[in-house]
Protein backbone atom coordinates (compact mmCIF):
# COMPACT_ATOMS: atom_id res chain seq x y z
CA MET A 1 42.91 -19.80 -26.69
CA LYS A 2 44.40 -16.31 -27.03
CA PHE A 3 41.17 -15.08 -28.61
CA LEU A 4 39.11 -16.48 -25.71
CA THR A 5 41.40 -14.91 -23.13
CA LYS A 6 41.21 -11.55 -24.90
CA PHE A 7 37.43 -11.84 -25.19
CA LEU A 8 37.00 -12.57 -21.48
CA LYS A 9 39.33 -9.72 -20.63
CA TRP A 10 37.19 -7.25 -22.56
CA ILE A 11 34.03 -8.64 -20.99
CA LEU A 12 35.56 -8.06 -17.55
CA ILE A 13 36.59 -4.53 -18.49
CA LEU A 14 33.08 -3.84 -19.79
CA LEU A 15 31.52 -5.09 -16.56
CA VAL A 16 33.86 -2.93 -14.48
CA LEU A 17 32.98 0.10 -16.62
CA ILE A 18 29.24 -0.58 -16.23
CA LEU A 19 29.61 -0.87 -12.46
CA ALA A 20 31.66 2.33 -12.35
CA ILE A 21 29.05 4.21 -14.39
CA LEU A 22 26.26 2.98 -12.12
CA TYR A 23 28.07 4.18 -9.00
CA ILE A 24 29.17 7.48 -10.54
CA THR A 25 25.65 8.26 -11.75
CA ASP A 26 24.13 7.07 -8.43
CA THR A 27 22.07 4.40 -10.19
CA ASP A 28 23.68 1.40 -8.52
CA TYR A 29 20.24 0.52 -7.11
CA LEU A 30 19.66 -1.03 -10.54
CA LEU A 31 21.96 -3.89 -9.56
CA LYS A 32 19.56 -4.79 -6.77
CA ALA A 33 16.63 -4.46 -9.17
CA VAL A 34 18.24 -6.84 -11.63
CA ARG A 35 19.09 -9.37 -8.93
CA THR A 36 15.72 -9.37 -7.13
CA ILE A 37 13.24 -8.75 -9.95
CA TYR A 38 14.45 -8.86 -13.54
CA LEU A 39 16.63 -11.98 -13.32
CA LYS A 40 13.65 -13.79 -11.81
CA GLY A 41 11.56 -13.14 -14.91
CA HIS A 42 9.51 -10.18 -13.63
CA THR A 43 9.21 -6.67 -15.04
CA THR A 44 7.90 -5.12 -11.82
CA ALA A 45 7.56 -5.96 -8.13
CA TYR A 46 5.66 -9.18 -7.42
CA LEU A 47 3.60 -10.76 -4.63
CA GLU A 48 6.32 -12.72 -2.87
CA ASP A 49 9.25 -10.40 -3.49
CA TYR A 50 9.41 -9.65 0.24
CA LYS A 51 11.57 -12.78 0.45
CA GLU A 52 14.27 -10.94 -1.52
CA PHE A 53 14.43 -7.85 0.75
CA ASP A 54 15.18 -6.94 4.34
CA ASN A 55 12.07 -7.00 6.54
CA GLU A 56 11.05 -6.16 10.08
CA GLU A 57 8.34 -7.98 11.99
CA VAL A 58 5.00 -6.41 12.84
CA ALA A 59 4.11 -8.48 15.89
CA ASN A 60 0.59 -9.65 16.60
CA GLY A 61 -0.98 -10.14 20.01
CA THR A 62 -3.86 -12.39 21.04
CA PRO A 63 -5.48 -13.70 17.83
CA GLN A 64 -9.18 -13.01 17.31
CA PRO A 65 -10.32 -15.38 14.55
CA TRP A 66 -13.13 -14.16 12.31
CA PRO A 67 -16.49 -15.80 13.06
CA ILE A 68 -17.82 -18.17 10.42
CA HIS A 69 -21.13 -17.15 8.81
CA PRO A 70 -24.00 -19.67 9.01
CA GLU A 71 -24.05 -19.67 5.20
CA TYR A 72 -20.27 -20.14 4.92
CA ASN A 73 -19.20 -21.09 1.38
CA SER A 74 -22.76 -22.05 0.48
CA ALA A 75 -22.50 -20.05 -2.75
CA LYS A 76 -20.24 -20.84 -5.68
CA GLU A 77 -18.19 -18.39 -7.69
CA THR A 78 -19.98 -17.02 -10.70
CA GLU A 79 -18.60 -17.85 -14.12
CA VAL A 80 -17.49 -14.25 -14.57
CA LEU A 81 -15.59 -14.37 -11.28
CA GLN A 82 -13.99 -17.70 -12.13
CA ASN A 83 -12.76 -16.31 -15.44
CA ILE A 84 -11.33 -13.09 -14.03
CA ASN A 85 -9.69 -14.96 -11.16
CA THR A 86 -7.99 -17.26 -13.65
CA ASP A 87 -7.05 -14.55 -16.13
CA LEU A 88 -5.57 -12.19 -13.52
CA GLY A 89 -4.05 -14.76 -11.21
CA THR A 90 -6.14 -14.25 -8.09
CA ILE A 91 -4.63 -15.90 -4.99
CA ALA A 92 -7.35 -14.98 -2.46
CA TYR A 93 -10.99 -13.93 -2.72
CA VAL A 94 -12.92 -13.39 0.52
CA ILE A 95 -16.38 -12.01 1.26
CA ILE A 96 -17.07 -10.94 4.84
CA LYS A 97 -20.76 -10.36 5.60
CA ASN A 98 -22.04 -9.08 8.94
CA ASP A 99 -18.51 -9.42 10.33
CA SER A 100 -18.36 -13.16 9.54
CA ILE A 101 -16.57 -15.08 6.82
CA TRP A 102 -19.30 -15.72 4.25
CA PHE A 103 -17.08 -16.97 1.41
CA GLU A 104 -13.38 -17.63 0.97
CA ASN A 105 -11.24 -19.32 -1.62
CA TYR A 106 -7.53 -19.46 -2.32
CA TYR A 107 -5.69 -20.29 -5.52
CA GLY A 108 -2.33 -21.09 -7.05
CA GLY A 109 -0.83 -22.79 -3.99
CA PHE A 110 -1.70 -19.96 -1.58
CA ASP A 111 -3.85 -20.47 1.51
CA GLU A 112 -5.51 -18.39 4.23
CA ASN A 113 -2.20 -17.81 6.05
CA SER A 114 0.04 -17.21 3.02
CA LYS A 115 1.89 -13.92 3.06
CA SER A 116 1.81 -11.68 0.00
CA ASN A 117 2.71 -8.07 -0.70
CA SER A 118 0.12 -5.43 0.18
CA PHE A 119 1.76 -2.92 -2.14
CA SER A 120 -0.06 0.42 -1.78
CA MET A 121 -2.74 -0.89 0.57
CA ALA A 122 -0.08 0.05 3.14
CA LYS A 123 -0.89 3.71 2.49
CA SER A 124 -4.21 3.35 4.32
CA TYR A 125 -2.40 2.12 7.43
CA VAL A 126 0.10 4.99 7.31
CA SER A 127 -2.69 7.58 7.24
CA GLY A 128 -4.22 5.89 10.27
CA LEU A 129 -0.87 5.99 12.06
CA MET A 130 -0.68 9.71 11.31
CA GLN A 131 -4.01 10.15 13.09
CA LYS A 132 -2.82 8.06 16.05
CA ALA A 133 0.22 10.34 16.33
CA ILE A 134 -2.11 13.36 16.34
CA GLU A 135 -4.36 11.85 19.02
CA GLN A 136 -1.31 11.09 21.18
CA GLY A 137 0.03 14.64 20.83
CA HIS A 138 3.11 13.80 18.76
CA ILE A 139 1.79 15.74 15.75
CA LYS A 140 -0.20 18.93 16.38
CA SER A 141 -2.82 18.51 13.65
CA LEU A 142 -3.34 17.73 9.98
CA ASP A 143 -2.23 21.31 9.32
CA GLN A 144 1.21 21.03 10.92
CA PRO A 145 3.91 21.89 8.37
CA VAL A 146 6.19 19.08 7.21
CA GLY A 147 9.04 21.57 7.55
CA ASP A 148 8.67 21.36 11.33
CA PHE A 149 10.13 17.87 11.06
CA PHE A 150 12.38 18.16 8.02
CA PRO A 151 14.05 21.52 7.25
CA GLU A 152 14.49 20.42 3.64
CA PHE A 153 10.81 21.38 3.24
CA SER A 154 10.82 24.69 5.12
CA GLU A 155 11.29 27.21 2.32
CA GLY A 156 9.14 28.52 -0.53
CA MET A 157 6.12 26.43 -1.51
CA ALA A 158 7.46 23.50 0.51
CA ALA A 159 6.98 25.49 3.73
CA ARG A 160 3.21 25.37 3.13
CA MET A 161 3.12 21.57 2.77
CA THR A 162 1.28 19.92 5.68
CA VAL A 163 1.06 16.39 7.01
CA GLY A 164 -2.56 16.35 5.81
CA ASP A 165 -1.37 17.12 2.30
CA LEU A 166 0.83 14.04 2.41
CA SER A 167 -2.08 11.84 3.49
CA THR A 168 -4.26 13.12 0.63
CA MET A 169 -1.64 12.94 -2.12
CA SER A 170 -1.42 16.68 -2.59
CA SER A 171 2.15 17.56 -1.61
CA GLY A 172 2.95 19.33 -4.87
CA THR A 173 6.32 17.56 -5.22
CA ASN A 174 7.87 16.35 -8.47
CA TRP A 175 7.40 12.64 -7.70
CA ASP A 176 6.71 10.59 -10.85
CA GLU A 177 4.67 7.41 -10.26
CA ALA A 178 6.15 5.04 -12.86
CA TYR A 179 6.39 1.35 -11.96
CA TYR A 180 7.89 -0.12 -15.11
CA SER A 181 10.68 2.36 -15.85
CA PRO A 182 13.99 1.27 -14.28
CA LEU A 183 15.12 4.90 -14.05
CA SER A 184 12.03 6.34 -12.36
CA ILE A 185 12.09 7.63 -8.80
CA THR A 186 9.46 5.00 -7.95
CA THR A 187 11.87 2.25 -8.97
CA ARG A 188 14.75 3.93 -7.19
CA ALA A 189 12.71 4.15 -3.99
CA TYR A 190 11.86 0.46 -4.19
CA PHE A 191 15.47 -0.68 -4.47
CA ASP A 192 17.67 2.06 -2.98
CA ASP A 193 19.39 1.25 0.30
CA ASP A 194 18.94 4.83 1.55
CA LEU A 195 15.27 5.68 1.06
CA ALA A 196 15.37 8.80 3.22
CA LYS A 197 17.98 10.34 0.92
CA VAL A 198 15.71 9.72 -2.07
CA ILE A 199 12.69 11.32 -0.39
CA LEU A 200 14.49 14.32 1.05
CA GLY A 201 15.76 15.10 -2.45
CA LEU A 202 12.25 15.78 -3.78
CA LYS A 203 11.57 19.24 -5.23
CA MET A 204 8.40 21.27 -5.40
CA GLU A 205 6.41 21.38 -8.61
CA ASP A 206 3.04 22.82 -7.55
CA GLU A 207 1.45 24.64 -4.65
CA PRO A 208 0.73 22.01 -1.96
CA GLY A 209 -2.79 21.20 -0.79
CA GLN A 210 -4.47 22.25 -4.04
CA ARG A 211 -4.95 19.09 -6.07
CA PHE A 212 -4.58 15.31 -5.99
CA LYS A 213 -1.59 13.71 -7.69
CA TYR A 214 -0.93 10.09 -6.87
CA ALA A 215 2.55 9.93 -5.36
CA SER A 216 4.01 7.14 -3.27
CA GLY A 217 6.63 9.61 -2.13
CA ASP A 218 3.94 11.49 -0.18
CA THR A 219 3.22 8.43 1.95
CA GLN A 220 6.91 7.73 2.45
CA LEU A 221 7.55 11.27 3.64
CA LEU A 222 4.52 11.03 5.92
CA ALA A 223 5.96 7.86 7.46
CA MET A 224 9.25 9.64 8.09
CA VAL A 225 7.33 12.46 9.81
CA ILE A 226 5.50 9.94 12.01
CA GLU A 227 8.74 8.20 12.99
CA LYS A 228 10.42 11.49 13.85
CA ALA A 229 7.37 12.74 15.77
CA THR A 230 6.83 9.57 17.81
CA GLY A 231 10.42 8.37 18.14
CA LYS A 232 9.18 4.90 17.15
CA LYS A 233 9.85 2.65 14.20
CA LEU A 234 6.77 2.47 12.02
CA TYR A 235 6.62 -1.33 12.13
CA ASP A 236 6.44 -1.18 15.95
CA TYR A 237 3.91 1.67 15.83
CA LEU A 238 1.69 -0.33 13.46
CA SER A 239 1.90 -3.33 15.78
CA GLU A 240 0.86 -1.43 18.90
CA SER A 241 -1.69 0.82 17.17
CA PHE A 242 -3.57 -1.62 14.93
CA TRP A 243 -2.08 -5.08 14.40
CA LYS A 244 -2.38 -6.18 18.03
CA PRO A 245 -5.60 -4.32 18.97
CA LEU A 246 -7.43 -5.70 15.91
CA GLY A 247 -6.59 -9.28 16.84
CA SER A 248 -4.59 -10.18 13.76
CA GLU A 249 -4.06 -13.94 13.58
CA ASN A 250 -0.58 -13.73 12.11
CA SER A 251 2.45 -11.57 12.65
CA THR A 252 3.48 -9.83 9.47
CA LEU A 253 6.53 -8.36 7.78
CA TRP A 254 7.21 -4.84 6.54
CA GLN A 255 10.01 -4.31 4.05
CA VAL A 256 12.78 -1.87 4.97
CA ASP A 257 15.30 -0.19 2.71
CA SER A 258 18.29 -1.90 4.36
CA GLU A 259 19.42 -3.37 7.64
CA ASP A 260 21.59 -0.32 8.33
CA ASN A 261 18.99 2.39 7.67
CA ASP A 262 15.97 0.33 8.78
CA LEU A 263 13.38 2.65 7.19
CA VAL A 264 10.13 0.95 6.18
CA LYS A 265 9.01 1.19 2.59
CA ALA A 266 5.86 2.79 3.95
CA TYR A 267 4.11 3.36 0.63
CA CYS A 268 3.98 -0.40 0.11
CA CYS A 269 5.22 -3.77 1.15
CA ILE A 270 3.41 -5.22 4.14
CA ALA A 271 3.44 -9.00 3.71
CA SER A 272 0.25 -10.44 5.19
CA ASN A 273 -2.94 -12.27 4.21
CA ALA A 274 -6.49 -11.48 3.13
CA LYS A 275 -8.30 -11.92 6.43
CA ASP A 276 -5.79 -9.91 8.45
CA PHE A 277 -5.82 -7.11 5.87
CA ALA A 278 -9.63 -7.10 6.11
CA ARG A 279 -9.52 -6.13 9.78
CA TYR A 280 -8.50 -2.58 8.98
CA GLY A 281 -11.48 -2.28 6.62
CA LYS A 282 -13.78 -3.44 9.42
CA LEU A 283 -12.27 -0.84 11.77
CA PHE A 284 -13.19 1.98 9.40
CA LYS A 285 -16.57 0.41 8.61
CA ASP A 286 -17.33 0.53 12.34
CA HIS A 287 -16.33 4.20 12.75
CA GLY A 288 -12.98 3.43 14.37
CA LYS A 289 -14.28 0.96 16.96
CA TRP A 290 -13.17 -2.62 17.51
CA ASN A 291 -15.22 -4.81 19.83
CA GLY A 292 -16.75 -1.70 21.34
CA LYS A 293 -13.43 0.05 21.99
CA GLN A 294 -12.58 3.27 20.16
CA ILE A 295 -9.24 2.55 18.46
CA ILE A 296 -9.10 5.65 16.24
CA ASP A 297 -11.15 8.85 16.31
CA SER A 298 -14.50 8.49 14.53
CA ALA A 299 -14.33 12.05 13.18
CA PHE A 300 -11.09 11.19 11.37
CA VAL A 301 -12.65 8.01 10.00
CA ALA A 302 -15.54 10.03 8.59
CA LYS A 303 -13.14 12.57 7.11
CA SER A 304 -10.98 9.81 5.59
CA ILE A 305 -13.73 8.30 3.46
CA VAL A 306 -14.96 11.41 1.66
CA PRO A 307 -13.00 13.13 -1.12
CA ARG A 308 -10.80 16.04 -0.07
CA PHE A 309 -10.92 17.61 -3.53
CA SER A 310 -14.07 17.99 -5.61
CA ASP A 311 -12.27 18.17 -8.95
CA GLY A 312 -9.97 15.16 -8.63
CA PRO A 313 -10.13 11.38 -8.34
CA GLU A 314 -12.16 9.99 -5.47
CA TYR A 315 -9.54 9.90 -2.72
CA GLY A 316 -9.76 10.80 0.95
CA TYR A 317 -7.13 10.42 3.65
CA GLY A 318 -5.42 7.21 2.57
CA TRP A 319 -8.56 5.60 1.08
CA TRP A 320 -9.89 5.29 -2.47
CA LEU A 321 -13.61 6.05 -2.78
CA ILE A 322 -16.01 4.44 -5.24
CA GLN A 323 -19.09 6.60 -5.35
CA ASN A 324 -22.56 5.63 -6.53
CA HIS A 325 -21.74 2.29 -8.12
CA ASN A 326 -25.13 0.64 -8.58
CA GLY A 327 -26.48 3.04 -5.98
CA ARG A 328 -23.81 2.22 -3.37
CA ASP A 329 -20.70 3.97 -2.09
CA PHE A 330 -17.59 1.96 -1.26
CA PHE A 331 -14.21 2.81 0.22
CA MET A 332 -11.14 0.80 -0.60
CA MET A 333 -7.56 -0.04 0.24
CA ARG A 334 -5.80 -0.49 -3.08
CA GLY A 335 -2.42 -1.85 -4.13
CA HIS A 336 -0.34 -2.52 -7.24
CA LEU A 337 -1.32 -5.62 -9.26
CA GLY A 338 -4.84 -5.69 -7.84
CA GLN A 339 -4.64 -5.92 -4.04
CA TYR A 340 -8.02 -4.71 -2.75
CA VAL A 341 -9.95 -4.43 0.51
CA ILE A 342 -13.35 -3.04 -0.52
CA VAL A 343 -15.85 -1.93 2.13
CA GLN A 344 -19.60 -1.21 1.91
CA PRO A 345 -20.73 -0.06 5.38
CA GLU A 346 -24.52 -0.01 4.93
CA ASP A 347 -24.59 -3.61 3.68
CA ASN A 348 -21.95 -4.61 6.24
CA VAL A 349 -19.86 -6.21 3.50
CA ILE A 350 -16.08 -6.41 3.02
CA ILE A 351 -14.59 -7.90 -0.16
CA VAL A 352 -10.90 -8.82 -0.30
CA ARG A 353 -9.06 -9.75 -3.46
CA LEU A 354 -5.32 -10.44 -3.67
CA GLY A 355 -3.54 -11.52 -6.84
CA HIS A 356 -0.75 -11.41 -9.37
CA GLU A 357 -2.28 -8.96 -11.85
CA SER A 358 -4.91 -6.28 -12.33
CA LEU A 359 -6.16 -4.52 -15.40
CA LYS A 360 -3.77 -1.74 -16.36
CA VAL A 361 -4.14 1.45 -14.32
CA ASP A 362 -4.07 4.76 -16.18
CA TYR A 363 -3.43 7.50 -13.63
CA ASP A 364 -4.50 10.10 -16.21
CA GLY A 365 -7.72 8.22 -17.00
CA PRO A 366 -10.67 6.85 -15.02
CA PRO A 367 -9.63 6.15 -11.41
CA PHE A 368 -10.97 2.59 -11.24
CA THR A 369 -10.38 -0.35 -13.54
CA ASP A 370 -13.09 -2.79 -14.62
CA ASP A 371 -11.70 -5.65 -12.54
CA ILE A 372 -12.55 -3.71 -9.36
CA TYR A 373 -16.17 -3.39 -10.41
CA ALA A 374 -16.23 -7.09 -11.35
CA TYR A 375 -15.03 -8.19 -7.91
CA ILE A 376 -17.81 -6.07 -6.36
CA ASP A 377 -20.58 -7.04 -8.77
CA GLU A 378 -19.87 -10.76 -8.67
CA ALA A 379 -19.76 -10.74 -4.87
CA TYR A 380 -23.22 -9.17 -4.78
CA GLU A 381 -24.41 -11.65 -7.40
CA MET A 382 -23.19 -14.51 -5.19
CA MET A 383 -24.94 -13.00 -2.16
CA GLY A 384 -28.17 -12.63 -4.14
CA GLN A 385 -28.21 -8.85 -3.74
CA ASP A 386 -28.73 -6.42 -6.57
């Protein structure tokens, strides 16, 4: 009995020491990571983790259901598509042709209204919200310095960082995009209760506006600029700018760092469904118009879907760009674990895939993984188009 008491006493002391070290070293966010992710059997964020975090609602307005194509679900999934959907845990696969639902299927207990995490597809929305703030006069232009909003970025190289640099992943900061390391700034940003503090602590590494470097911190800082410029919470600004005007059928949720700070995790974490995510792809396919109304400037749309840098990965203003794949160009919203909204304007086709896994992304290697090409190629095979 004495041995057991002594053993438990030392366990308690050890736990107290661990907690003290975490707080002293400012890594107490790891406690939240363990509770919400690791103890649930995951090694990274997952599709339904929004249930474990604080969220704010992005309200919808009058729903505008997608029309159903005359050939709705007349085609079957190819064998290749069936295999990749099974292997990578697809939960939704939708093909929209001529602005109508041509094919849809849902898997693993998910349905057309099930919410799942957008992950970095949210970045495309944030760039659009930047443009809305410019059109409404809250931000002067893409060339306005970030330092005008946050003095932490008003000296040295940081003083030359612009809001456009944030939208194109070219801030020059020392952000390290590492999803599976518990000590990375990416992990800290995901779990820290004070996200603004994390972002405002970034340092400069390179001259801004010179080259692409994928950095979720760029989008987060851009969101903070938009909130400061407009005086509005980003979840409300998304609702009034896009979610309501595009006729989304469901309200959605956007994760925030904490109830007290109420800052959206803008680089990720909109919980919605395939067909509502697809609406933003249609908006850009149609040059910023929705049902004949100009929602966002067509010149910005055109600028968004061409690469800013000729010597880097194919990335515009918040959109990934697949160029000359089987003679076609595509632009894409893209998120962790294989969340995709893929748009081909000339064919009037939108392909949406949501799921639990993707093929591993190497940010120092080719920009697009083979699963992306498979989702495109098999959709065209199903449609009978080369």
